[in-house]
N, C-alpha and C. Protein backbone atom coordinates (compact mmCIF):
# COMPACT_ATOMS: atom_id res chain seq x y z
N MET A 1 163.77 181.80 190.93
CA MET A 1 164.66 181.38 192.01
C MET A 1 165.92 182.23 191.99
N THR A 2 166.25 182.83 193.13
CA THR A 2 167.46 183.64 193.24
C THR A 2 168.65 182.74 193.54
N VAL A 3 169.69 182.90 192.75
CA VAL A 3 170.88 182.08 192.92
C VAL A 3 172.02 182.96 193.43
N ASN A 4 172.62 182.56 194.52
CA ASN A 4 173.80 183.26 195.03
C ASN A 4 174.81 182.23 195.52
N ALA A 5 175.93 182.71 195.99
CA ALA A 5 177.01 181.81 196.39
C ALA A 5 176.60 180.89 197.54
N ASN A 6 175.84 181.43 198.50
CA ASN A 6 175.41 180.61 199.63
C ASN A 6 174.48 179.49 199.19
N MET A 7 173.57 179.81 198.28
CA MET A 7 172.62 178.80 197.78
C MET A 7 173.38 177.70 197.03
N ILE A 8 174.34 178.08 196.22
CA ILE A 8 175.12 177.09 195.47
C ILE A 8 175.94 176.23 196.43
N ARG A 9 176.51 176.86 197.43
CA ARG A 9 177.30 176.11 198.40
C ARG A 9 176.44 175.09 199.15
N GLU A 10 175.27 175.49 199.57
CA GLU A 10 174.37 174.59 200.29
C GLU A 10 173.95 173.40 199.42
N ARG A 11 173.79 173.68 198.12
CA ARG A 11 173.33 172.62 197.22
C ARG A 11 174.42 171.60 196.92
N PHE A 12 175.66 172.05 196.82
CA PHE A 12 176.70 171.17 196.28
C PHE A 12 177.81 170.77 197.25
N GLU A 13 177.99 171.46 198.38
CA GLU A 13 179.18 171.17 199.17
C GLU A 13 179.14 169.78 199.82
N ASN A 14 177.96 169.24 200.07
CA ASN A 14 177.85 167.91 200.67
C ASN A 14 177.26 166.87 199.72
N LYS A 15 177.17 167.23 198.45
CA LYS A 15 176.60 166.31 197.45
C LYS A 15 177.57 165.15 197.20
N SER A 16 177.05 163.93 197.27
CA SER A 16 177.87 162.77 196.93
C SER A 16 178.05 162.70 195.42
N GLN A 17 179.20 162.25 194.98
CA GLN A 17 179.48 162.23 193.55
C GLN A 17 178.92 160.97 192.91
N GLY A 18 178.04 161.17 191.96
CA GLY A 18 177.44 160.04 191.25
C GLY A 18 177.90 160.00 189.81
N ILE A 19 177.01 159.60 188.93
CA ILE A 19 177.29 159.52 187.50
C ILE A 19 176.22 160.33 186.78
N ILE A 20 176.64 161.19 185.85
CA ILE A 20 175.69 161.99 185.10
C ILE A 20 174.71 161.07 184.36
N ASP A 21 173.43 161.39 184.43
CA ASP A 21 172.35 160.61 183.80
C ASP A 21 172.17 159.23 184.43
N GLU A 22 172.69 159.06 185.64
CA GLU A 22 172.57 157.77 186.32
C GLU A 22 171.12 157.34 186.51
N ARG A 23 170.24 158.30 186.72
CA ARG A 23 168.82 157.98 186.98
C ARG A 23 168.16 157.31 185.78
N THR A 24 168.67 157.57 184.58
CA THR A 24 168.05 157.01 183.38
C THR A 24 168.70 155.69 182.95
N MET A 25 169.76 155.28 183.63
CA MET A 25 170.46 154.06 183.25
C MET A 25 169.79 152.83 183.85
N ARG A 26 169.86 151.72 183.13
CA ARG A 26 169.35 150.46 183.65
C ARG A 26 170.38 149.88 184.61
N LYS A 27 169.90 149.44 185.76
CA LYS A 27 170.80 148.99 186.82
C LYS A 27 170.66 147.49 187.05
N TYR A 28 171.80 146.83 187.09
CA TYR A 28 171.85 145.39 187.31
C TYR A 28 172.83 145.09 188.44
N ALA A 29 172.55 144.01 189.17
CA ALA A 29 173.43 143.58 190.26
C ALA A 29 173.76 142.11 190.08
N VAL A 30 175.02 141.76 190.30
CA VAL A 30 175.45 140.36 190.20
C VAL A 30 176.25 139.99 191.44
N LEU A 31 176.28 138.71 191.73
CA LEU A 31 177.02 138.22 192.89
C LEU A 31 178.05 137.20 192.41
N LEU A 32 179.29 137.41 192.79
CA LEU A 32 180.34 136.43 192.55
C LEU A 32 180.32 135.48 193.74
N PRO A 33 179.78 134.25 193.55
CA PRO A 33 179.56 133.34 194.69
C PRO A 33 180.77 132.44 194.93
N LEU A 34 181.31 132.54 196.13
CA LEU A 34 182.43 131.70 196.54
C LEU A 34 181.94 130.56 197.41
N MET A 35 182.61 129.42 197.29
CA MET A 35 182.25 128.24 198.08
C MET A 35 183.52 127.63 198.64
N GLU A 36 183.55 127.41 199.96
CA GLU A 36 184.69 126.77 200.60
C GLU A 36 184.55 125.25 200.50
N LYS A 37 185.59 124.61 199.99
CA LYS A 37 185.61 123.15 199.91
C LYS A 37 186.91 122.67 200.55
N GLY A 38 186.84 122.40 201.84
CA GLY A 38 188.04 122.05 202.57
C GLY A 38 188.96 123.25 202.65
N THR A 39 190.18 123.07 202.16
CA THR A 39 191.13 124.19 202.14
C THR A 39 191.07 124.95 200.82
N GLU A 40 190.21 124.52 199.90
CA GLU A 40 190.11 125.16 198.59
C GLU A 40 188.91 126.09 198.54
N MET A 41 188.94 126.99 197.57
CA MET A 41 187.83 127.91 197.33
C MET A 41 187.43 127.79 195.87
N ASP A 42 186.13 127.66 195.63
CA ASP A 42 185.60 127.58 194.27
C ASP A 42 184.70 128.79 193.99
N ILE A 43 184.53 129.07 192.70
CA ILE A 43 183.57 130.08 192.25
C ILE A 43 182.44 129.37 191.52
N LEU A 44 181.20 129.73 191.85
CA LEU A 44 180.03 129.13 191.23
C LEU A 44 179.60 129.95 190.01
N PHE A 45 179.27 129.26 188.93
CA PHE A 45 178.81 129.89 187.71
C PHE A 45 177.48 129.29 187.25
N GLU A 46 176.77 130.04 186.45
CA GLU A 46 175.55 129.56 185.80
C GLU A 46 175.77 129.49 184.29
N VAL A 47 175.07 128.55 183.65
CA VAL A 47 174.91 128.56 182.20
C VAL A 47 173.46 128.99 181.94
N ARG A 48 173.30 130.11 181.26
CA ARG A 48 171.96 130.64 181.04
C ARG A 48 171.14 129.70 180.14
N ALA A 49 169.86 129.59 180.43
CA ALA A 49 168.97 128.72 179.66
C ALA A 49 168.99 129.13 178.18
N LYS A 50 168.95 128.15 177.31
CA LYS A 50 169.07 128.41 175.88
C LYS A 50 167.85 129.09 175.28
N HIS A 51 166.72 129.09 176.02
CA HIS A 51 165.54 129.76 175.48
C HIS A 51 165.44 131.22 175.91
N MET A 52 166.43 131.70 176.67
CA MET A 52 166.42 133.09 177.11
C MET A 52 166.59 134.03 175.92
N LYS A 53 165.94 135.18 175.99
CA LYS A 53 166.05 136.16 174.90
C LYS A 53 167.42 136.82 174.89
N ARG A 54 167.97 137.09 176.08
CA ARG A 54 169.26 137.76 176.18
C ARG A 54 170.35 136.76 176.57
N GLN A 55 171.38 136.70 175.76
CA GLN A 55 172.57 135.89 176.05
C GLN A 55 172.25 134.43 176.37
N PRO A 56 171.46 133.76 175.53
CA PRO A 56 171.15 132.35 175.79
C PRO A 56 172.40 131.48 175.74
N GLY A 57 172.51 130.55 176.68
CA GLY A 57 173.61 129.60 176.68
C GLY A 57 174.93 130.15 177.17
N GLU A 58 174.97 131.42 177.57
CA GLU A 58 176.24 132.00 178.01
C GLU A 58 176.46 131.75 179.50
N ILE A 59 177.72 131.85 179.89
CA ILE A 59 178.11 131.63 181.28
C ILE A 59 178.11 132.97 182.00
N CYS A 60 177.54 132.99 183.19
CA CYS A 60 177.43 134.25 183.93
C CYS A 60 177.41 133.97 185.43
N PHE A 61 177.38 135.07 186.19
CA PHE A 61 177.13 135.00 187.62
C PHE A 61 175.64 135.17 187.87
N PRO A 62 175.12 134.68 188.99
CA PRO A 62 173.73 134.98 189.33
C PRO A 62 173.54 136.49 189.44
N GLY A 63 172.44 136.97 188.91
CA GLY A 63 172.19 138.41 188.98
C GLY A 63 171.05 138.81 188.07
N GLY A 64 170.74 140.09 188.09
CA GLY A 64 169.66 140.58 187.26
C GLY A 64 169.37 142.04 187.55
N LYS A 65 168.23 142.48 187.08
CA LYS A 65 167.86 143.89 187.17
C LYS A 65 167.54 144.27 188.62
N VAL A 66 167.96 145.48 189.00
CA VAL A 66 167.61 146.02 190.31
C VAL A 66 166.18 146.56 190.23
N ASP A 67 165.28 145.96 191.00
CA ASP A 67 163.87 146.35 190.98
C ASP A 67 163.61 147.50 191.96
N ARG A 68 162.46 148.13 191.77
CA ARG A 68 162.08 149.24 192.65
C ARG A 68 161.91 148.77 194.09
N ASN A 69 161.51 147.53 194.27
CA ASN A 69 161.29 147.01 195.62
C ASN A 69 162.58 146.65 196.35
N ASP A 70 163.70 146.60 195.60
CA ASP A 70 164.98 146.29 196.22
C ASP A 70 165.49 147.52 196.97
N ARG A 71 165.88 147.31 198.22
CA ARG A 71 166.37 148.44 199.01
C ARG A 71 167.76 148.88 198.58
N SER A 72 168.47 148.03 197.89
CA SER A 72 169.82 148.35 197.43
C SER A 72 170.21 147.37 196.33
N PRO A 73 171.22 147.71 195.51
CA PRO A 73 171.71 146.74 194.54
C PRO A 73 172.21 145.45 195.21
N ALA A 74 172.79 145.57 196.41
CA ALA A 74 173.27 144.37 197.11
C ALA A 74 172.10 143.42 197.41
N GLU A 75 170.98 144.00 197.84
CA GLU A 75 169.80 143.18 198.11
C GLU A 75 169.30 142.52 196.84
N ALA A 76 169.37 143.25 195.73
CA ALA A 76 168.96 142.68 194.44
C ALA A 76 169.85 141.51 194.04
N ALA A 77 171.16 141.64 194.28
CA ALA A 77 172.10 140.57 193.92
C ALA A 77 171.79 139.30 194.70
N ILE A 78 171.51 139.45 195.99
CA ILE A 78 171.19 138.27 196.82
C ILE A 78 169.85 137.68 196.41
N ARG A 79 168.87 138.55 196.15
CA ARG A 79 167.54 138.06 195.72
C ARG A 79 167.66 137.26 194.43
N GLU A 80 168.40 137.79 193.47
CA GLU A 80 168.54 137.10 192.19
C GLU A 80 169.27 135.77 192.36
N LEU A 81 170.29 135.75 193.22
CA LEU A 81 171.00 134.51 193.48
C LEU A 81 170.06 133.46 194.03
N CYS A 82 169.24 133.84 195.00
CA CYS A 82 168.31 132.88 195.62
C CYS A 82 167.30 132.38 194.59
N GLU A 83 166.79 133.28 193.75
CA GLU A 83 165.80 132.89 192.75
C GLU A 83 166.38 131.96 191.69
N GLU A 84 167.61 132.19 191.30
CA GLU A 84 168.20 131.44 190.19
C GLU A 84 168.85 130.14 190.64
N VAL A 85 169.51 130.17 191.79
CA VAL A 85 170.24 128.99 192.26
C VAL A 85 169.36 128.09 193.12
N GLY A 86 168.35 128.67 193.76
CA GLY A 86 167.44 127.87 194.57
C GLY A 86 167.89 127.71 196.00
N VAL A 87 168.54 128.75 196.56
CA VAL A 87 168.93 128.72 197.97
C VAL A 87 168.14 129.81 198.70
N THR A 88 168.32 129.89 200.00
CA THR A 88 167.64 130.92 200.78
C THR A 88 168.67 131.97 201.23
N GLU A 89 168.18 133.10 201.70
CA GLU A 89 169.07 134.19 202.11
C GLU A 89 170.01 133.76 203.23
N LYS A 90 169.55 132.86 204.09
CA LYS A 90 170.42 132.43 205.20
C LYS A 90 171.59 131.58 204.72
N ASP A 91 171.53 131.13 203.46
CA ASP A 91 172.63 130.36 202.89
C ASP A 91 173.70 131.25 202.27
N VAL A 92 173.48 132.57 202.27
CA VAL A 92 174.37 133.51 201.59
C VAL A 92 174.92 134.51 202.59
N THR A 93 176.22 134.73 202.55
CA THR A 93 176.85 135.76 203.36
C THR A 93 177.49 136.78 202.41
N LEU A 94 177.01 138.02 202.47
CA LEU A 94 177.58 139.06 201.63
C LEU A 94 178.92 139.50 202.23
N ILE A 95 179.98 139.38 201.45
CA ILE A 95 181.32 139.73 201.93
C ILE A 95 181.63 141.20 201.66
N GLY A 96 181.32 141.65 200.46
CA GLY A 96 181.64 143.04 200.12
C GLY A 96 181.35 143.33 198.67
N ASN A 97 181.72 144.52 198.26
CA ASN A 97 181.42 144.94 196.90
C ASN A 97 182.68 145.09 196.07
N LEU A 98 182.51 144.91 194.76
CA LEU A 98 183.54 145.21 193.78
C LEU A 98 183.20 146.55 193.12
N ASP A 99 184.06 147.02 192.24
CA ASP A 99 183.81 148.31 191.58
C ASP A 99 182.66 148.21 190.60
N ARG A 100 181.87 149.28 190.53
CA ARG A 100 180.78 149.34 189.57
C ARG A 100 181.31 149.38 188.14
N VAL A 101 180.51 148.86 187.22
CA VAL A 101 180.84 148.91 185.80
C VAL A 101 179.79 149.76 185.09
N VAL A 102 180.24 150.79 184.37
CA VAL A 102 179.34 151.60 183.55
C VAL A 102 179.60 151.22 182.10
N SER A 103 178.62 150.60 181.47
CA SER A 103 178.80 150.13 180.10
C SER A 103 178.40 151.23 179.11
N PRO A 104 178.88 151.14 177.87
CA PRO A 104 178.47 152.13 176.85
C PRO A 104 177.05 151.91 176.36
N PHE A 105 176.35 150.95 176.94
CA PHE A 105 174.99 150.62 176.50
C PHE A 105 173.95 151.05 177.53
N ASN A 106 174.29 152.10 178.29
CA ASN A 106 173.34 152.69 179.24
C ASN A 106 173.02 151.75 180.40
N HIS A 107 174.01 150.97 180.82
CA HIS A 107 173.85 150.04 181.94
C HIS A 107 174.85 150.39 183.05
N ILE A 108 174.42 150.17 184.28
CA ILE A 108 175.35 150.17 185.41
C ILE A 108 175.25 148.79 186.06
N ILE A 109 176.40 148.15 186.24
CA ILE A 109 176.42 146.83 186.87
C ILE A 109 177.09 146.97 188.23
N TYR A 110 176.41 146.47 189.27
CA TYR A 110 176.92 146.50 190.63
C TYR A 110 177.35 145.08 191.02
N PRO A 111 178.64 144.77 191.02
CA PRO A 111 179.10 143.42 191.38
C PRO A 111 179.41 143.32 192.88
N TYR A 112 179.09 142.17 193.44
CA TYR A 112 179.36 141.90 194.86
C TYR A 112 180.03 140.54 195.00
N VAL A 113 180.67 140.34 196.14
CA VAL A 113 181.29 139.05 196.48
C VAL A 113 180.52 138.46 197.65
N GLY A 114 180.18 137.18 197.53
CA GLY A 114 179.45 136.52 198.60
C GLY A 114 179.95 135.11 198.83
N LEU A 115 179.61 134.58 199.99
CA LEU A 115 180.01 133.22 200.36
C LEU A 115 178.75 132.36 200.48
N LEU A 116 178.75 131.21 199.79
CA LEU A 116 177.62 130.29 199.81
C LEU A 116 177.89 129.15 200.77
N ASN A 117 176.85 128.73 201.46
CA ASN A 117 176.93 127.55 202.32
C ASN A 117 177.01 126.31 201.44
N THR A 118 178.11 125.58 201.55
CA THR A 118 178.32 124.42 200.66
C THR A 118 177.37 123.27 200.98
N ASP A 119 176.74 123.30 202.15
CA ASP A 119 175.81 122.22 202.51
C ASP A 119 174.41 122.46 201.96
N SER A 120 174.19 123.61 201.36
CA SER A 120 172.86 123.93 200.84
C SER A 120 172.59 123.15 199.55
N PRO A 121 171.41 122.52 199.43
CA PRO A 121 171.06 121.86 198.17
C PRO A 121 170.67 122.90 197.13
N PHE A 122 171.31 122.85 195.97
CA PHE A 122 170.99 123.81 194.92
C PHE A 122 169.85 123.28 194.06
N MET A 123 168.88 124.14 193.78
CA MET A 123 167.75 123.79 192.92
C MET A 123 167.62 124.89 191.87
N PRO A 124 168.45 124.83 190.80
CA PRO A 124 168.46 125.90 189.80
C PRO A 124 167.10 126.08 189.12
N ASN A 125 166.76 127.34 188.90
CA ASN A 125 165.51 127.71 188.23
C ASN A 125 165.61 127.36 186.75
N GLU A 126 164.86 126.37 186.29
CA GLU A 126 164.97 125.90 184.91
C GLU A 126 164.53 126.96 183.90
N ASN A 127 163.78 127.95 184.33
CA ASN A 127 163.37 129.01 183.42
C ASN A 127 164.54 129.93 183.05
N GLU A 128 165.58 129.91 183.89
CA GLU A 128 166.70 130.82 183.65
C GLU A 128 168.04 130.12 183.57
N VAL A 129 168.15 128.93 184.17
CA VAL A 129 169.46 128.29 184.30
C VAL A 129 169.44 126.89 183.73
N ASP A 130 170.38 126.60 182.81
CA ASP A 130 170.53 125.26 182.28
C ASP A 130 171.45 124.40 183.14
N GLU A 131 172.44 125.05 183.75
CA GLU A 131 173.47 124.27 184.46
C GLU A 131 174.18 125.16 185.47
N LEU A 132 174.60 124.55 186.57
CA LEU A 132 175.50 125.19 187.53
C LEU A 132 176.81 124.41 187.52
N PHE A 133 177.93 125.12 187.64
CA PHE A 133 179.22 124.44 187.75
C PHE A 133 180.18 125.33 188.54
N THR A 134 181.23 124.73 189.04
CA THR A 134 182.22 125.48 189.81
C THR A 134 183.59 125.39 189.16
N VAL A 135 184.39 126.41 189.44
CA VAL A 135 185.78 126.46 188.97
C VAL A 135 186.65 126.83 190.17
N PRO A 136 187.76 126.12 190.39
CA PRO A 136 188.63 126.48 191.51
C PRO A 136 189.14 127.91 191.38
N LEU A 137 189.11 128.65 192.46
CA LEU A 137 189.63 130.01 192.45
C LEU A 137 191.09 130.02 192.01
N SER A 138 191.82 128.98 192.38
CA SER A 138 193.24 128.90 192.02
C SER A 138 193.46 128.95 190.51
N PHE A 139 192.49 128.44 189.74
CA PHE A 139 192.61 128.49 188.28
C PHE A 139 192.73 129.93 187.80
N PHE A 140 191.90 130.81 188.32
CA PHE A 140 191.92 132.20 187.89
C PHE A 140 193.14 132.94 188.44
N GLN A 141 193.63 132.49 189.60
CA GLN A 141 194.83 133.09 190.14
C GLN A 141 196.06 132.75 189.29
N GLN A 142 196.01 131.57 188.66
CA GLN A 142 197.17 131.09 187.90
C GLN A 142 197.03 131.31 186.40
N THR A 143 195.86 131.76 185.95
CA THR A 143 195.59 131.86 184.52
C THR A 143 195.34 133.31 184.11
N LYS A 144 196.14 133.80 183.19
CA LYS A 144 195.92 135.14 182.65
C LYS A 144 194.90 135.06 181.52
N PRO A 145 193.86 135.89 181.55
CA PRO A 145 192.84 135.78 180.50
C PRO A 145 193.35 136.29 179.15
N GLU A 146 192.81 135.73 178.08
CA GLU A 146 193.07 136.28 176.76
C GLU A 146 192.31 137.60 176.61
N LYS A 147 192.91 138.56 175.93
CA LYS A 147 192.29 139.87 175.75
C LYS A 147 192.12 140.16 174.26
N HIS A 148 190.90 140.55 173.89
CA HIS A 148 190.61 140.95 172.52
C HIS A 148 189.77 142.22 172.57
N ASP A 149 190.14 143.20 171.75
CA ASP A 149 189.46 144.48 171.77
C ASP A 149 188.30 144.54 170.77
N ILE A 150 187.23 145.20 171.20
CA ILE A 150 186.10 145.51 170.31
C ILE A 150 186.12 147.02 170.08
N ARG A 151 186.13 147.44 168.84
CA ARG A 151 186.18 148.86 168.51
C ARG A 151 184.77 149.40 168.28
N LEU A 152 184.47 150.50 168.94
CA LEU A 152 183.16 151.13 168.80
C LEU A 152 183.22 152.21 167.73
N ILE A 153 182.20 152.26 166.90
CA ILE A 153 182.12 153.24 165.83
C ILE A 153 181.07 154.29 166.18
N VAL A 154 181.45 155.57 166.06
CA VAL A 154 180.51 156.66 166.30
C VAL A 154 179.71 156.90 165.02
N GLN A 155 178.40 156.78 165.11
CA GLN A 155 177.53 156.97 163.95
C GLN A 155 176.34 157.85 164.34
N PRO A 156 176.48 159.18 164.20
CA PRO A 156 175.38 160.08 164.56
C PRO A 156 174.14 159.82 163.71
N GLU A 157 172.97 160.15 164.28
CA GLU A 157 171.72 159.99 163.53
C GLU A 157 171.66 160.97 162.37
N ASP A 158 170.75 160.70 161.41
CA ASP A 158 170.67 161.51 160.19
C ASP A 158 170.43 162.98 160.47
N SER A 159 169.69 163.28 161.54
CA SER A 159 169.35 164.68 161.83
C SER A 159 170.42 165.40 162.65
N PHE A 160 171.57 164.77 162.84
CA PHE A 160 172.61 165.38 163.68
C PHE A 160 173.05 166.71 163.07
N PRO A 161 173.13 167.80 163.87
CA PRO A 161 173.46 169.14 163.34
C PRO A 161 174.97 169.34 163.13
N TYR A 162 175.49 168.70 162.11
CA TYR A 162 176.92 168.83 161.84
C TYR A 162 177.35 170.28 161.69
N GLU A 163 176.45 171.11 161.13
CA GLU A 163 176.80 172.51 160.86
C GLU A 163 177.05 173.30 162.14
N SER A 164 176.68 172.73 163.28
CA SER A 164 176.83 173.44 164.56
C SER A 164 178.12 173.09 165.30
N ILE A 165 178.91 172.18 164.76
CA ILE A 165 180.14 171.77 165.45
C ILE A 165 181.35 172.02 164.56
N PRO A 166 182.50 172.26 165.17
CA PRO A 166 183.72 172.49 164.38
C PRO A 166 184.06 171.27 163.52
N GLY A 167 184.34 171.53 162.24
CA GLY A 167 184.71 170.43 161.35
C GLY A 167 183.55 169.77 160.65
N GLY A 168 182.32 170.02 161.13
CA GLY A 168 181.14 169.43 160.48
C GLY A 168 181.23 167.93 160.43
N LYS A 169 180.97 167.37 159.26
CA LYS A 169 180.99 165.91 159.11
C LYS A 169 182.39 165.32 159.24
N ASN A 170 183.41 166.19 159.23
CA ASN A 170 184.78 165.71 159.39
C ASN A 170 185.25 165.84 160.85
N TYR A 171 184.30 166.01 161.76
CA TYR A 171 184.68 166.14 163.17
C TYR A 171 185.46 164.91 163.61
N PRO A 172 186.59 165.12 164.31
CA PRO A 172 187.42 163.96 164.71
C PRO A 172 186.90 163.28 165.98
N TRP A 173 185.92 162.42 165.84
CA TRP A 173 185.33 161.74 166.98
C TRP A 173 186.38 160.88 167.69
N ASN A 174 186.26 160.79 169.02
CA ASN A 174 187.11 159.88 169.77
C ASN A 174 186.78 158.44 169.38
N LYS A 175 187.78 157.60 169.44
CA LYS A 175 187.57 156.18 169.13
C LYS A 175 187.40 155.40 170.44
N GLY A 176 186.37 154.55 170.47
CA GLY A 176 186.10 153.76 171.67
C GLY A 176 186.56 152.32 171.51
N ILE A 177 187.09 151.79 172.58
CA ILE A 177 187.54 150.39 172.59
C ILE A 177 187.03 149.72 173.86
N ILE A 178 186.40 148.57 173.70
CA ILE A 178 185.98 147.77 174.84
C ILE A 178 186.88 146.53 174.91
N PRO A 179 187.61 146.35 176.00
CA PRO A 179 188.42 145.13 176.13
C PRO A 179 187.52 143.95 176.52
N GLU A 180 187.63 142.87 175.80
CA GLU A 180 186.90 141.65 176.14
C GLU A 180 187.91 140.59 176.58
N TYR A 181 187.61 139.94 177.71
CA TYR A 181 188.51 138.94 178.26
C TYR A 181 187.89 137.55 178.16
N PHE A 182 188.76 136.56 178.00
CA PHE A 182 188.32 135.17 177.86
C PHE A 182 189.12 134.26 178.79
N TYR A 183 188.38 133.43 179.54
CA TYR A 183 188.99 132.34 180.29
C TYR A 183 188.47 131.03 179.70
N PHE A 184 189.36 130.08 179.45
CA PHE A 184 188.97 128.78 178.91
C PHE A 184 189.25 127.72 179.98
N TYR A 185 188.17 127.13 180.48
CA TYR A 185 188.30 126.12 181.53
C TYR A 185 187.56 124.86 181.09
N SER A 186 188.30 123.76 180.89
CA SER A 186 187.70 122.53 180.39
C SER A 186 186.94 122.85 179.10
N ASP A 187 185.63 122.54 179.05
CA ASP A 187 184.87 122.85 177.85
C ASP A 187 184.07 124.14 177.99
N LYS A 188 184.37 124.93 179.02
CA LYS A 188 183.62 126.15 179.31
C LYS A 188 184.41 127.38 178.84
N VAL A 189 183.67 128.33 178.24
CA VAL A 189 184.26 129.60 177.82
C VAL A 189 183.61 130.70 178.65
N ILE A 190 184.41 131.33 179.49
CA ILE A 190 183.92 132.39 180.36
C ILE A 190 184.45 133.71 179.80
N TRP A 191 183.56 134.57 179.36
CA TRP A 191 184.01 135.79 178.70
C TRP A 191 183.05 136.94 179.00
N GLY A 192 183.29 138.08 178.35
CA GLY A 192 182.39 139.23 178.50
C GLY A 192 182.48 139.85 179.89
N MET A 193 181.34 140.36 180.35
CA MET A 193 181.29 141.04 181.63
C MET A 193 181.69 140.12 182.78
N THR A 194 181.33 138.84 182.68
CA THR A 194 181.68 137.89 183.73
C THR A 194 183.19 137.77 183.87
N ALA A 195 183.88 137.63 182.75
CA ALA A 195 185.34 137.53 182.78
C ALA A 195 185.96 138.83 183.28
N ARG A 196 185.37 139.94 182.90
CA ARG A 196 185.90 141.24 183.33
C ARG A 196 185.79 141.39 184.86
N ILE A 197 184.70 140.93 185.42
CA ILE A 197 184.52 141.00 186.87
C ILE A 197 185.49 140.07 187.58
N ILE A 198 185.69 138.86 187.02
CA ILE A 198 186.66 137.93 187.62
C ILE A 198 188.06 138.56 187.63
N LYS A 199 188.44 139.13 186.50
CA LYS A 199 189.76 139.76 186.39
C LYS A 199 189.92 140.85 187.46
N HIS A 200 188.89 141.67 187.62
CA HIS A 200 188.92 142.73 188.62
C HIS A 200 189.02 142.13 190.04
N PHE A 201 188.27 141.07 190.29
CA PHE A 201 188.29 140.40 191.59
C PHE A 201 189.69 139.88 191.92
N ILE A 202 190.33 139.23 190.95
CA ILE A 202 191.67 138.69 191.16
C ILE A 202 192.67 139.82 191.38
N GLU A 203 192.53 140.89 190.65
CA GLU A 203 193.44 142.04 190.83
C GLU A 203 193.29 142.63 192.24
N GLU A 204 192.05 142.69 192.73
CA GLU A 204 191.83 143.20 194.08
C GLU A 204 192.41 142.25 195.13
N LEU A 205 192.31 140.95 194.89
CA LEU A 205 192.91 139.98 195.80
C LEU A 205 194.42 140.15 195.89
N ASN A 206 195.04 140.45 194.74
CA ASN A 206 196.49 140.53 194.67
C ASN A 206 197.04 141.91 195.01
N ARG A 207 196.16 142.89 195.11
CA ARG A 207 196.63 144.26 195.33
C ARG A 207 197.23 144.40 196.73
N LYS A 208 198.38 145.03 196.78
CA LYS A 208 199.04 145.24 198.07
C LYS A 208 198.31 146.31 198.86
N ARG A 209 198.05 146.02 200.13
CA ARG A 209 197.33 146.95 201.00
C ARG A 209 198.29 147.94 201.63
């Protein structure tokens, strides 16, 4: 293949900017479900079933893996909400998207904001959900989350070619820190990615336009 300036320009000048190695990352979509109750607004949460292999008993938003049959992460978020909460698509109004999260564990999370019909009867999927509960949006507007840092340690595999990099085994690796946020509401502990998304949502609500 002959490469010249015109060929490079054609290839890259209109390319949308993605994430390197994005194709190999596992993709998940979640929906932050809002419910209008009179003049108040609540957020709906799930408690994951205790027999689940991943994060049993933890509090989360409805969501899951983006499947090949999903036309978009937004469609996946709505599909997962319907499957887990037991509502239909007509009971959900997609409002918009929040910022994507790229985790250090080869995951991309696509969060969305949606509005649920409060008249819909919820029938949670017992295979995935132990409990549904709501928290007033005002609680998160008035409550600053606790922040605790998790430090990541770089540990190359045994076959890593130290001899090929400056400093060898004494190479000064960057230090990674993951901020973890906690909200305490009644007897519920909302933390991890769910708390991080809530914090981002509240910041976007408060951001001056």
